[in-house]
Amino acid sequence: MSVGIEEKIRQRAFEIWEAEGRPEGREQDHWLQAQTEISRLPVIAPAPLVDPAAIAPTVKKPAATAAAKPKAPAKPKAAAKPKAPAKA
């Protein structure tokens, strides 16, 4: 039995023992119950070791363009001056 599996069974047996009020003389029952529960858990394969740099996202910086600068607000046009009356 793998050390990791045995540790999981031991921990689960302890949880069962506590949940039942810590009765004396039930160690084997708790161990067997924990062993049954742990053996029914799905086996998950460990993830492969991958270089973090290989999966790190690359961030592209925006290209500097003239359009990147905000334009100054347009100046208001001066009001038209009234024309002088025509001379006769």
Foldseek 3Di string as FASTA:
>chain_A
DDPVLQVQLVVQLVVVCVVVPNDPPCSVVSSVVSNVVSVPDDDDDDDDDDDVVVVDDDDDDDDDDPVVDDDDDDDDDDDDDDDDDDDD
